[in-house]
N, C-alpha and C. Protein backbone atom coordinates (compact mmCIF):
# COMPACT_ATOMS: atom_id res chain seq x y z
N MET A 1 1.09 -1.01 -0.39
CA MET A 1 -0.06 0.44 0.19
C MET A 1 0.90 1.20 0.23
N ARG A 2 0.41 2.15 -1.08
CA ARG A 2 1.34 3.36 -0.98
C ARG A 2 0.86 4.14 -0.29
N HIS A 3 1.30 5.33 0.65
CA HIS A 3 0.87 5.83 1.20
C HIS A 3 1.52 7.81 0.73
N HIS A 4 0.44 8.77 0.89
CA HIS A 4 1.20 9.85 0.34
C HIS A 4 1.81 10.68 1.82
N ARG A 5 3.10 11.73 1.61
CA ARG A 5 3.24 12.34 2.30
C ARG A 5 2.99 12.58 3.58
N ASP A 6 1.40 13.38 3.26
CA ASP A 6 0.65 13.86 3.89
C ASP A 6 0.05 12.72 4.99
N ASP A 7 -0.52 11.20 4.47
CA ASP A 7 -0.93 10.55 5.14
C ASP A 7 0.11 9.85 6.55
N VAL A 8 1.38 10.20 5.51
CA VAL A 8 2.64 9.71 6.51
C VAL A 8 2.49 10.99 8.05
N VAL A 9 2.40 11.80 7.55
CA VAL A 9 2.70 12.75 8.88
C VAL A 9 1.53 12.74 9.70
N ARG A 10 0.32 12.61 9.24
CA ARG A 10 -0.95 12.26 9.85
C ARG A 10 -0.91 11.05 11.12
N HIS A 11 -0.63 9.95 9.91
CA HIS A 11 -0.39 8.86 10.93
C HIS A 11 0.90 8.89 12.13
N ALA A 12 2.51 10.13 11.84
CA ALA A 12 3.26 9.70 12.75
C ALA A 12 2.58 10.76 14.10
N ILE A 13 1.67 11.81 13.45
CA ILE A 13 1.29 13.08 14.79
C ILE A 13 -0.21 11.32 15.42
N ASP A 14 -0.09 10.67 15.39
CA ASP A 14 -1.42 9.60 15.95
C ASP A 14 -0.53 8.76 16.61
N VAL A 15 0.72 8.79 16.40
CA VAL A 15 1.98 7.66 16.64
C VAL A 15 2.19 8.60 18.20
N LEU A 16 2.89 10.03 17.63
CA LEU A 16 3.13 10.69 18.64
C LEU A 16 2.21 10.94 19.84
N ASP A 17 0.91 11.21 19.94
CA ASP A 17 0.36 11.67 20.60
C ASP A 17 -0.28 10.25 22.00
N ALA A 18 0.16 9.11 20.94
CA ALA A 18 0.13 7.85 21.78
C ALA A 18 0.62 7.12 22.72
N TYR A 19 1.66 7.58 22.05
CA TYR A 19 2.95 6.59 22.67
C TYR A 19 3.86 7.55 23.08
N GLY A 20 4.22 9.02 22.46
CA GLY A 20 5.02 9.99 22.93
C GLY A 20 6.46 10.20 21.51
N LEU A 21 7.33 11.09 21.84
CA LEU A 21 8.67 11.53 20.69
C LEU A 21 9.47 9.92 20.88
N ALA A 22 9.98 9.54 22.14
CA ALA A 22 10.38 8.71 22.41
C ALA A 22 10.25 7.25 21.85
N ASP A 23 8.74 7.09 21.66
CA ASP A 23 8.26 5.82 20.45
C ASP A 23 8.15 6.32 19.08
N LEU A 24 8.28 7.27 18.65
CA LEU A 24 7.36 7.82 17.26
C LEU A 24 9.36 7.32 16.32
N THR A 25 9.26 6.06 16.09
CA THR A 25 10.41 5.80 15.04
C THR A 25 9.89 5.37 13.76
N MET A 26 11.05 5.43 13.06
CA MET A 26 10.43 4.68 11.75
C MET A 26 9.80 3.61 11.42
N ARG A 27 10.27 2.63 12.47
CA ARG A 27 9.95 1.21 12.59
C ARG A 27 8.54 1.28 13.26
N ARG A 28 8.33 1.81 13.98
CA ARG A 28 6.52 2.19 14.25
C ARG A 28 5.70 2.50 13.44
N LEU A 29 6.08 3.84 12.96
CA LEU A 29 5.66 4.27 12.24
C LEU A 29 4.87 3.13 10.73
N ALA A 30 5.82 2.68 10.44
CA ALA A 30 5.50 1.84 9.01
C ALA A 30 5.06 0.48 9.83
N GLY A 31 5.03 0.42 10.99
CA GLY A 31 4.26 -0.63 11.66
C GLY A 31 2.51 -0.46 11.42
N GLU A 32 2.24 0.50 11.61
CA GLU A 32 0.97 1.83 11.79
C GLU A 32 0.60 1.61 10.58
N LEU A 33 1.23 2.39 9.73
CA LEU A 33 0.94 2.26 7.96
C LEU A 33 0.87 0.67 7.26
N ASP A 34 1.32 -0.36 8.05
CA ASP A 34 1.58 -1.42 7.44
C ASP A 34 2.53 -1.29 5.83
N VAL A 35 3.70 -1.20 5.71
CA VAL A 35 4.33 -0.96 5.43
C VAL A 35 5.96 -1.10 5.74
N ARG A 36 6.48 -1.58 5.10
CA ARG A 36 8.22 -1.60 5.20
C ARG A 36 8.61 -0.43 6.03
N PRO A 37 9.18 -0.49 6.67
CA PRO A 37 10.48 1.04 7.21
C PRO A 37 10.40 1.72 5.71
N SER A 38 11.65 1.51 5.21
CA SER A 38 12.24 1.42 3.68
C SER A 38 10.99 2.26 3.40
N ALA A 39 10.13 1.83 3.52
CA ALA A 39 8.71 2.74 1.85
C ALA A 39 8.76 4.50 3.06
N LEU A 40 8.71 4.76 4.22
CA LEU A 40 8.94 5.81 4.19
C LEU A 40 10.04 6.73 3.80
N TYR A 41 11.14 6.32 3.69
CA TYR A 41 12.40 6.75 3.40
C TYR A 41 12.40 7.07 1.69
N HIS A 42 10.57 7.11 1.10
CA HIS A 42 10.57 7.47 -0.20
C HIS A 42 10.05 9.21 0.28
N HIS A 43 9.58 9.30 0.91
CA HIS A 43 9.20 10.56 1.56
C HIS A 43 9.56 11.39 2.52
N PHE A 44 11.11 11.14 3.55
CA PHE A 44 11.66 11.26 4.22
C PHE A 44 13.31 10.74 4.15
N ARG A 45 13.70 12.01 4.21
CA ARG A 45 15.55 11.32 4.04
C ARG A 45 15.81 10.56 5.27
N ASP A 46 15.32 10.94 6.38
CA ASP A 46 15.67 10.27 8.28
C ASP A 46 14.53 11.00 9.46
N LYS A 47 14.91 10.11 10.11
CA LYS A 47 13.76 10.78 11.12
C LYS A 47 13.83 12.31 11.39
N GLN A 48 14.71 13.22 11.18
CA GLN A 48 14.87 14.25 11.90
C GLN A 48 13.84 14.98 10.38
N SER A 49 13.80 14.37 9.76
CA SER A 49 13.05 15.38 8.56
C SER A 49 11.74 14.76 8.81
N LEU A 50 11.15 13.60 9.06
CA LEU A 50 9.96 13.43 8.90
C LEU A 50 9.19 14.25 10.51
N LEU A 51 10.55 14.66 11.86
CA LEU A 51 10.00 14.89 13.17
C LEU A 51 10.05 16.69 12.54
N ALA A 52 10.76 17.23 11.52
CA ALA A 52 10.14 18.54 11.19
C ALA A 52 9.30 18.43 10.81
N ALA A 53 8.61 17.93 9.94
CA ALA A 53 7.19 17.85 8.91
C ALA A 53 6.29 17.75 10.18
N VAL A 54 6.37 17.21 11.16
CA VAL A 54 5.38 16.91 12.35
C VAL A 54 5.13 17.71 13.04
N ALA A 55 6.78 18.77 13.49
CA ALA A 55 6.14 19.96 14.39
C ALA A 55 5.83 20.96 13.38
N ASP A 56 5.69 20.74 12.06
CA ASP A 56 5.60 21.60 10.93
C ASP A 56 4.07 21.79 11.10
N GLU A 57 3.69 20.72 11.35
CA GLU A 57 2.02 19.84 11.01
C GLU A 57 1.34 20.02 12.32
N VAL A 58 1.86 19.99 13.44
CA VAL A 58 1.31 20.25 15.07
C VAL A 58 1.21 22.31 14.48
N LEU A 59 2.24 22.54 14.28
CA LEU A 59 1.77 23.54 14.32
C LEU A 59 0.91 24.73 13.36
N ARG A 60 0.79 23.89 12.35
CA ARG A 60 -0.38 24.44 11.54
C ARG A 60 -1.61 24.28 12.29
N ARG A 61 -1.75 23.17 12.11
CA ARG A 61 -2.97 22.91 12.72
C ARG A 61 -3.35 23.66 14.06
N GLY A 62 -2.43 24.19 14.81
CA GLY A 62 -2.57 25.17 16.15
C GLY A 62 -2.64 26.29 15.45
N ALA A 63 -2.45 27.23 14.17
CA ALA A 63 -2.10 28.12 14.21
C ALA A 63 -3.78 29.07 13.76
N ARG A 64 -3.91 30.33 14.73
CA ARG A 64 -4.76 31.14 14.53
C ARG A 64 -4.88 32.11 13.90
N PRO A 65 -5.35 32.76 13.29
CA PRO A 65 -5.55 34.39 12.83
C PRO A 65 -5.08 35.38 14.29
N LEU A 66 -4.28 36.57 13.88
CA LEU A 66 -4.41 37.43 14.56
C LEU A 66 -5.38 38.40 14.71
N VAL A 67 -5.93 38.48 16.09
CA VAL A 67 -7.48 39.35 16.51
C VAL A 67 -6.59 41.25 17.01
N SER A 68 -6.22 40.83 17.66
CA SER A 68 -5.61 42.33 17.71
C SER A 68 -4.25 42.91 16.99
N THR A 69 -3.67 44.67 16.98
CA THR A 69 -3.68 44.86 16.23
C THR A 69 -2.26 45.54 16.81
N ALA A 70 -2.37 45.72 18.58
CA ALA A 70 -1.11 46.05 19.09
C ALA A 70 0.13 45.36 18.96
N TRP A 71 1.18 45.59 19.04
CA TRP A 71 2.12 44.68 18.77
C TRP A 71 2.43 43.92 20.27
N ASP A 72 1.84 44.17 21.42
CA ASP A 72 2.39 43.77 22.51
C ASP A 72 0.89 42.55 22.29
N GLU A 73 0.06 42.88 22.35
CA GLU A 73 -1.13 41.94 22.33
C GLU A 73 -1.04 41.47 21.18
N GLN A 74 -0.07 41.29 20.18
CA GLN A 74 0.01 39.88 19.08
C GLN A 74 0.79 38.87 19.44
N VAL A 75 2.39 39.50 20.28
CA VAL A 75 3.00 39.00 20.46
C VAL A 75 1.86 38.06 21.86
N VAL A 76 1.32 38.53 22.78
CA VAL A 76 0.79 37.54 23.86
C VAL A 76 0.19 36.62 23.03
N GLU A 77 -0.82 36.53 21.75
CA GLU A 77 -1.84 35.79 20.79
C GLU A 77 -0.61 34.91 20.42
N ILE A 78 0.32 34.98 19.94
CA ILE A 78 1.46 34.14 19.30
C ILE A 78 1.83 33.00 20.42
N CYS A 79 2.09 33.63 21.36
CA CYS A 79 2.63 33.55 22.57
C CYS A 79 1.75 32.03 22.83
N SER A 80 0.45 32.53 23.45
CA SER A 80 -0.62 31.88 24.01
C SER A 80 -0.86 30.72 22.53
N GLY A 81 -1.15 31.49 21.52
CA GLY A 81 -1.50 30.10 20.57
C GLY A 81 -0.54 29.14 20.64
N LEU A 82 0.81 29.13 21.10
CA LEU A 82 1.96 28.50 20.45
C LEU A 82 1.35 27.10 21.55
N ARG A 83 1.20 27.86 22.94
CA ARG A 83 1.37 27.05 23.63
C ARG A 83 0.44 25.62 23.47
N ASP A 84 -0.89 26.47 23.16
CA ASP A 84 -1.69 25.78 22.80
C ASP A 84 -1.57 24.87 22.08
N ALA A 85 -1.39 24.91 21.05
CA ALA A 85 -0.87 23.78 19.91
C ALA A 85 -0.13 22.73 20.12
N LEU A 86 0.71 23.40 20.97
CA LEU A 86 2.23 22.36 21.78
C LEU A 86 1.22 21.42 22.99
N LEU A 87 0.50 21.98 23.59
CA LEU A 87 -0.26 20.87 24.50
C LEU A 87 -1.38 20.07 24.00
N ALA A 88 -1.99 20.61 22.80
CA ALA A 88 -2.54 19.70 22.29
C ALA A 88 -2.11 18.16 21.94
N TYR A 89 -0.69 18.19 22.08
CA TYR A 89 -0.34 16.58 21.17
C TYR A 89 0.52 16.14 22.26
N ARG A 90 1.01 15.18 22.58
CA ARG A 90 2.03 14.69 23.75
C ARG A 90 3.12 14.87 23.04
N ASP A 91 3.74 15.39 24.36
CA ASP A 91 5.34 16.03 23.35
C ASP A 91 5.53 16.94 22.56
N GLY A 92 4.34 17.58 22.25
CA GLY A 92 4.64 18.71 21.68
C GLY A 92 5.73 19.80 21.77
N ALA A 93 5.64 19.62 23.28
CA ALA A 93 6.36 20.63 23.34
C ALA A 93 8.04 20.82 23.07
N GLU A 94 8.64 18.80 23.19
CA GLU A 94 9.69 18.62 23.25
C GLU A 94 9.98 18.60 21.69
N LEU A 95 9.23 17.96 21.12
CA LEU A 95 9.11 18.07 19.77
C LEU A 95 9.60 19.20 18.84
N VAL A 96 8.90 19.90 18.86
CA VAL A 96 8.77 21.49 18.31
C VAL A 96 10.60 21.79 19.21
N SER A 97 10.59 21.78 19.83
CA SER A 97 12.05 22.45 20.93
C SER A 97 13.35 21.78 20.20
N THR A 98 13.10 20.49 20.11
CA THR A 98 13.99 19.64 19.19
C THR A 98 14.14 20.06 18.01
N VAL A 99 13.38 19.87 17.07
CA VAL A 99 13.27 20.59 15.46
C VAL A 99 13.90 21.88 15.48
N ILE A 100 13.27 22.89 16.27
CA ILE A 100 13.97 24.35 16.07
C ILE A 100 15.36 23.83 16.74
N ALA A 101 16.03 23.49 17.45
CA ALA A 101 17.03 23.36 18.45
C ALA A 101 18.18 22.48 17.24
N PHE A 102 17.54 21.72 16.18
CA PHE A 102 18.41 21.45 15.58
C PHE A 102 18.36 22.52 13.99
N GLY A 103 17.94 23.14 13.87
CA GLY A 103 17.41 23.71 12.72
C GLY A 103 16.68 22.85 11.46
N LEU A 104 15.48 22.33 11.92
CA LEU A 104 15.43 21.54 10.99
C LEU A 104 13.93 22.00 10.71
N GLY A 105 13.28 23.22 11.29
CA GLY A 105 11.59 23.95 10.70
C GLY A 105 11.26 24.38 11.92
N ALA A 106 9.91 24.20 11.98
CA ALA A 106 8.83 25.15 13.18
C ALA A 106 9.52 26.36 13.27
N SER A 107 10.09 27.19 12.21
CA SER A 107 10.17 28.38 12.02
C SER A 107 9.42 29.20 12.41
N ARG A 108 7.91 29.36 12.58
CA ARG A 108 7.03 30.22 12.17
C ARG A 108 6.70 30.56 13.11
N PRO A 109 6.79 30.32 14.60
CA PRO A 109 6.06 31.27 15.16
C PRO A 109 7.49 32.01 15.60
N TYR A 110 9.05 31.95 15.34
CA TYR A 110 9.95 32.52 15.64
C TYR A 110 9.31 34.06 14.66
N ASP A 111 9.33 33.58 13.36
CA ASP A 111 9.43 34.22 12.68
C ASP A 111 7.64 35.25 12.85
N ASP A 112 6.97 34.93 12.96
CA ASP A 112 5.76 35.63 13.68
C ASP A 112 5.76 36.41 14.72
N LEU A 113 6.62 36.05 15.89
CA LEU A 113 7.03 36.96 17.10
C LEU A 113 8.24 38.18 16.13
N VAL A 114 8.75 38.10 15.28
CA VAL A 114 10.20 39.20 14.86
C VAL A 114 8.71 39.82 13.82
N ALA A 115 7.72 39.39 13.10
CA ALA A 115 7.35 40.77 13.20
C ALA A 115 6.39 41.29 13.55
N ALA A 116 5.52 40.49 14.32
CA ALA A 116 4.72 41.52 15.89
C ALA A 116 5.70 42.28 16.47
N LEU A 117 7.05 42.10 16.64
CA LEU A 117 7.32 42.77 17.29
C LEU A 117 7.62 43.95 16.63
N ALA A 118 8.01 44.37 15.51
CA ALA A 118 8.82 45.20 14.44
C ALA A 118 8.32 46.49 14.79
N PRO A 119 6.73 46.92 15.25
CA PRO A 119 6.44 48.18 15.78
C PRO A 119 6.88 48.85 16.85
N ALA A 120 7.54 47.61 17.14
CA ALA A 120 8.38 47.87 19.11
C ALA A 120 9.47 48.92 18.75
N ARG A 121 10.04 48.67 17.52
CA ARG A 121 11.29 49.67 17.13
C ARG A 121 12.49 49.14 17.86
N LEU A 122 12.88 47.54 18.40
CA LEU A 122 13.59 47.46 19.07
C LEU A 122 15.11 47.33 18.84
N GLY A 123 14.82 47.05 17.18
CA GLY A 123 16.35 47.74 16.40
C GLY A 123 16.59 46.14 15.85
N ALA A 124 17.51 46.28 15.26
CA ALA A 124 18.12 45.03 14.18
C ALA A 124 18.62 43.87 15.74
N ASP A 125 19.04 44.06 16.41
CA ASP A 125 19.75 42.99 17.10
C ASP A 125 18.69 42.65 18.51
N LEU A 126 17.87 43.55 19.10
CA LEU A 126 17.09 43.13 20.34
C LEU A 126 15.81 42.25 19.96
N ALA A 127 15.16 42.68 18.78
CA ALA A 127 13.84 42.46 18.09
C ALA A 127 13.90 40.89 18.02
N PRO A 128 15.18 40.25 17.13
CA PRO A 128 15.42 38.70 17.15
C PRO A 128 15.39 38.27 18.79
N THR A 129 16.20 38.52 19.79
CA THR A 129 16.66 38.82 20.94
C THR A 129 15.40 38.15 21.80
N ALA A 130 14.17 38.94 21.49
CA ALA A 130 13.39 39.32 22.14
C ALA A 130 12.22 38.30 21.21
N ALA A 131 12.15 37.72 19.90
CA ALA A 131 11.36 36.76 19.73
C ALA A 131 11.96 34.91 20.64
N ARG A 132 13.31 35.34 20.57
CA ARG A 132 13.84 33.71 20.79
C ARG A 132 13.74 33.61 22.49
N THR A 133 13.45 35.25 23.36
CA THR A 133 13.14 35.02 25.16
C THR A 133 11.91 34.21 24.58
N LEU A 134 11.21 35.30 23.78
CA LEU A 134 9.30 34.15 24.58
C LEU A 134 9.25 33.38 24.24
N LEU A 135 9.95 32.33 22.77
CA LEU A 135 9.76 31.19 22.53
C LEU A 135 10.33 30.22 23.55
N HIS A 136 11.42 30.76 23.80
CA HIS A 136 12.28 29.63 25.26
C HIS A 136 11.07 30.00 25.90
N LEU A 137 10.52 31.03 26.58
CA LEU A 137 9.48 31.00 27.93
C LEU A 137 8.22 30.07 27.43
N VAL A 138 7.44 30.18 25.78
CA VAL A 138 6.95 29.18 25.48
C VAL A 138 7.45 27.67 25.83
N LEU A 139 8.14 27.15 24.84
CA LEU A 139 8.91 26.12 24.57
C LEU A 139 9.28 25.80 26.40
N GLY A 140 10.05 26.14 27.33
CA GLY A 140 10.60 25.78 28.64
C GLY A 140 9.18 25.37 29.06
N HIS A 141 7.78 26.66 29.27
CA HIS A 141 7.12 26.09 29.77
C HIS A 141 6.37 24.96 29.94
N THR A 142 5.65 25.28 28.62
CA THR A 142 5.11 24.22 27.89
C THR A 142 5.27 22.94 28.45
N LEU A 143 6.91 22.53 27.96
CA LEU A 143 7.75 21.34 28.20
C LEU A 143 7.17 20.78 29.89
N ASP A 144 7.63 22.21 31.00
CA ASP A 144 7.23 21.70 32.20
C ASP A 144 5.80 21.16 32.54
N GLU A 145 5.38 21.93 32.11
CA GLU A 145 3.42 21.67 31.91
C GLU A 145 3.29 20.07 31.85
N GLN A 146 4.17 19.69 30.15
CA GLN A 146 3.40 18.06 29.87
C GLN A 146 4.46 17.11 30.60
N THR A 147 5.54 17.54 31.21
CA THR A 147 6.71 16.41 32.15
C THR A 147 5.86 16.27 33.36
N HIS A 148 5.47 17.10 34.30
CA HIS A 148 4.70 17.11 34.90
C HIS A 148 3.38 16.48 34.63
N LEU A 149 2.41 17.04 34.03
CA LEU A 149 1.31 15.69 33.67
C LEU A 149 1.78 14.42 33.51
N GLN A 150 2.74 14.24 32.38
CA GLN A 150 2.80 13.05 32.16
C GLN A 150 3.70 12.14 33.71
N ALA A 151 4.54 12.50 34.00
CA ALA A 151 5.05 12.09 35.22
C ALA A 151 3.75 11.35 36.29
N GLY A 152 3.26 12.73 36.37
CA GLY A 152 2.36 12.44 37.35
C GLY A 152 0.87 11.22 37.30
N SER A 153 0.46 11.47 35.75
CA SER A 153 -0.17 10.34 34.95
C SER A 153 0.26 8.67 34.92
N ALA A 154 1.89 8.64 35.18
CA ALA A 154 2.52 7.63 34.95
C ALA A 154 2.74 6.68 36.55
N GLY A 155 2.56 7.94 37.30
CA GLY A 155 3.21 7.54 38.74
C GLY A 155 4.20 8.10 39.23
N ALA A 156 5.34 8.24 38.52
CA ALA A 156 6.51 8.80 39.01
C ALA A 156 6.78 9.64 39.60
N ILE A 157 5.88 10.58 40.03
CA ILE A 157 5.79 11.78 40.91
C ILE A 157 4.36 11.39 41.37
N GLY A 158 4.26 11.93 43.02
CA GLY A 158 2.87 11.62 43.86
C GLY A 158 2.39 12.97 43.86
N ASP A 159 2.51 14.04 42.63
CA ASP A 159 2.11 15.40 42.42
C ASP A 159 0.64 15.05 41.92
N ASP A 160 -0.18 16.06 42.44
CA ASP A 160 -1.72 16.17 41.95
C ASP A 160 -1.41 17.23 40.68
N PRO A 161 -2.49 16.92 39.23
CA PRO A 161 -1.56 17.83 38.56
C PRO A 161 -2.45 19.46 38.59
N ARG A 162 -1.34 20.38 38.34
CA ARG A 162 -1.03 21.62 39.44
C ARG A 162 -2.60 21.76 38.76
N PRO A 163 -3.13 22.96 39.61
CA PRO A 163 -5.15 23.82 39.53
C PRO A 163 -4.65 24.91 38.78
N ARG A 164 -3.08 25.31 38.24
CA ARG A 164 -3.77 26.10 37.20
C ARG A 164 -2.53 26.46 36.98
N SER A 165 -2.13 26.79 35.69
CA SER A 165 -0.78 27.14 35.18
C SER A 165 -0.96 28.91 35.22
N ASP A 166 0.74 29.34 35.13
CA ASP A 166 0.88 30.67 35.69
C ASP A 166 1.60 31.38 34.32
N PHE A 167 1.50 30.80 33.71
CA PHE A 167 2.31 30.76 32.54
C PHE A 167 1.67 32.37 31.88
N ALA A 168 0.55 32.37 31.91
CA ALA A 168 0.08 33.87 31.35
C ALA A 168 0.58 34.73 32.20
N ALA A 169 0.91 34.64 33.83
CA ALA A 169 1.73 35.80 34.34
C ALA A 169 3.35 36.08 34.37
N GLY A 170 3.94 34.75 33.48
CA GLY A 170 5.30 34.77 33.44
C GLY A 170 5.40 35.49 32.18
N LEU A 171 4.73 35.03 31.05
CA LEU A 171 4.09 35.80 29.58
C LEU A 171 3.99 37.14 29.89
N GLY A 172 3.34 37.84 30.98
CA GLY A 172 2.86 39.40 31.02
C GLY A 172 4.41 39.94 31.66
N LEU A 173 5.26 39.17 32.44
CA LEU A 173 6.24 40.22 33.14
C LEU A 173 7.22 39.87 31.87
N VAL A 174 7.35 38.99 30.53
CA VAL A 174 8.48 39.33 29.78
C VAL A 174 7.84 40.17 28.27
N VAL A 175 6.92 40.20 29.00
CA VAL A 175 6.26 41.21 27.80
C VAL A 175 6.38 42.75 28.10
N ASP A 176 6.36 42.67 29.50
CA ASP A 176 6.66 43.79 29.96
C ASP A 176 7.66 44.29 30.17
N GLY A 177 8.60 44.00 30.16
CA GLY A 177 9.94 44.09 29.81
C GLY A 177 10.57 44.70 28.84
N ILE A 178 9.94 43.74 27.76
CA ILE A 178 10.06 44.58 26.50
C ILE A 178 9.46 45.41 25.86
N ARG A 179 8.04 46.24 26.45
CA ARG A 179 7.70 47.25 26.24
C ARG A 179 8.47 48.19 27.49
N LEU A 180 9.35 47.40 28.02
CA LEU A 180 10.00 48.92 28.85
C LEU A 180 11.24 49.48 28.50
N ARG A 181 11.82 48.22 27.66
CA ARG A 181 13.02 48.18 26.90
C ARG A 181 12.66 49.05 25.39
N ALA A 182 11.75 48.89 24.91
CA ALA A 182 11.00 49.49 23.65
C ALA A 182 10.71 51.17 24.28
N SER A 183 10.41 51.58 25.23
CA SER A 183 10.42 52.73 25.44
C SER A 183 10.78 53.51 25.82
N VAL A 184 12.29 53.31 26.53
CA VAL A 184 13.78 53.73 26.34
C VAL A 184 13.83 54.50 25.25
N PRO A 185 14.32 55.59 25.47
CA PRO A 185 15.24 56.19 24.29
C PRO A 185 16.34 56.01 24.21
N GLY A 186 16.87 55.64 23.07
CA GLY A 186 18.31 55.23 23.00
C GLY A 186 18.94 53.99 23.15
N SER A 187 18.05 53.34 23.95
CA SER A 187 18.11 51.63 24.20
C SER A 187 18.52 50.77 23.60
N VAL A 188 17.88 51.07 21.98
CA VAL A 188 17.63 50.10 21.16
C VAL A 188 19.29 49.98 20.84
N GLY A 189 19.77 48.23 20.81
CA GLY A 189 20.96 48.06 20.01
C GLY A 189 21.37 47.92 21.56
N LEU A 190 21.21 48.68 22.78
CA LEU A 190 22.39 47.71 23.56
C LEU A 190 22.74 46.84 23.78
N ASP A 191 24.41 46.33 24.22
CA ASP A 191 24.24 45.38 24.38
C ASP A 191 24.62 45.23 26.01
N GLN A 192 23.99 44.19 26.73
CA GLN A 192 23.57 44.57 28.42
C GLN A 192 25.05 43.63 28.48
N GLY A 193 25.68 43.50 28.24
CA GLY A 193 26.75 41.95 28.37
C GLY A 193 26.35 40.29 28.06
N ALA A 194 26.82 39.58 28.45
CA ALA A 194 26.88 38.31 27.94
C ALA A 194 25.93 37.21 29.32
């Protein structure tokens, strides 16, 4: 049976959601599709390119149009939407973090953040840094949430699920800092040290 690339990605997302990132292997996916593992290499040169396609599809499925026009509100919308997209799938944050770290794809959230930050006039040096900082907050916070929930479900920790998330408060703190930096004359492009 021959499968289209999109079918393979859809099945890979199902495997991710059912078994987690560690068990999303070419062999398991081939078994789910009832094909030989070598058949998957017709669509993907290696597992990393498959993961990149899966991450991009997870992000595509979670994308939503921006409602706000103010840059700071758009940043909150992008970050909140990204978090929701990652939480929709088991190990979503780990998957997207891995793909981004390896430079394989999943660049849309970063690009969207850089575009949203443009009206803040942070400059060519600070806008990318602000976008990466926001992205790291979302990825790290969501990874922590997913790991805690999965560890609790597996009985690895005795903690109950957390009653509520402090993601919005943390995001607000970071956006406030960006807003403050954007409002200080002459601060654009200042190097604050390593």
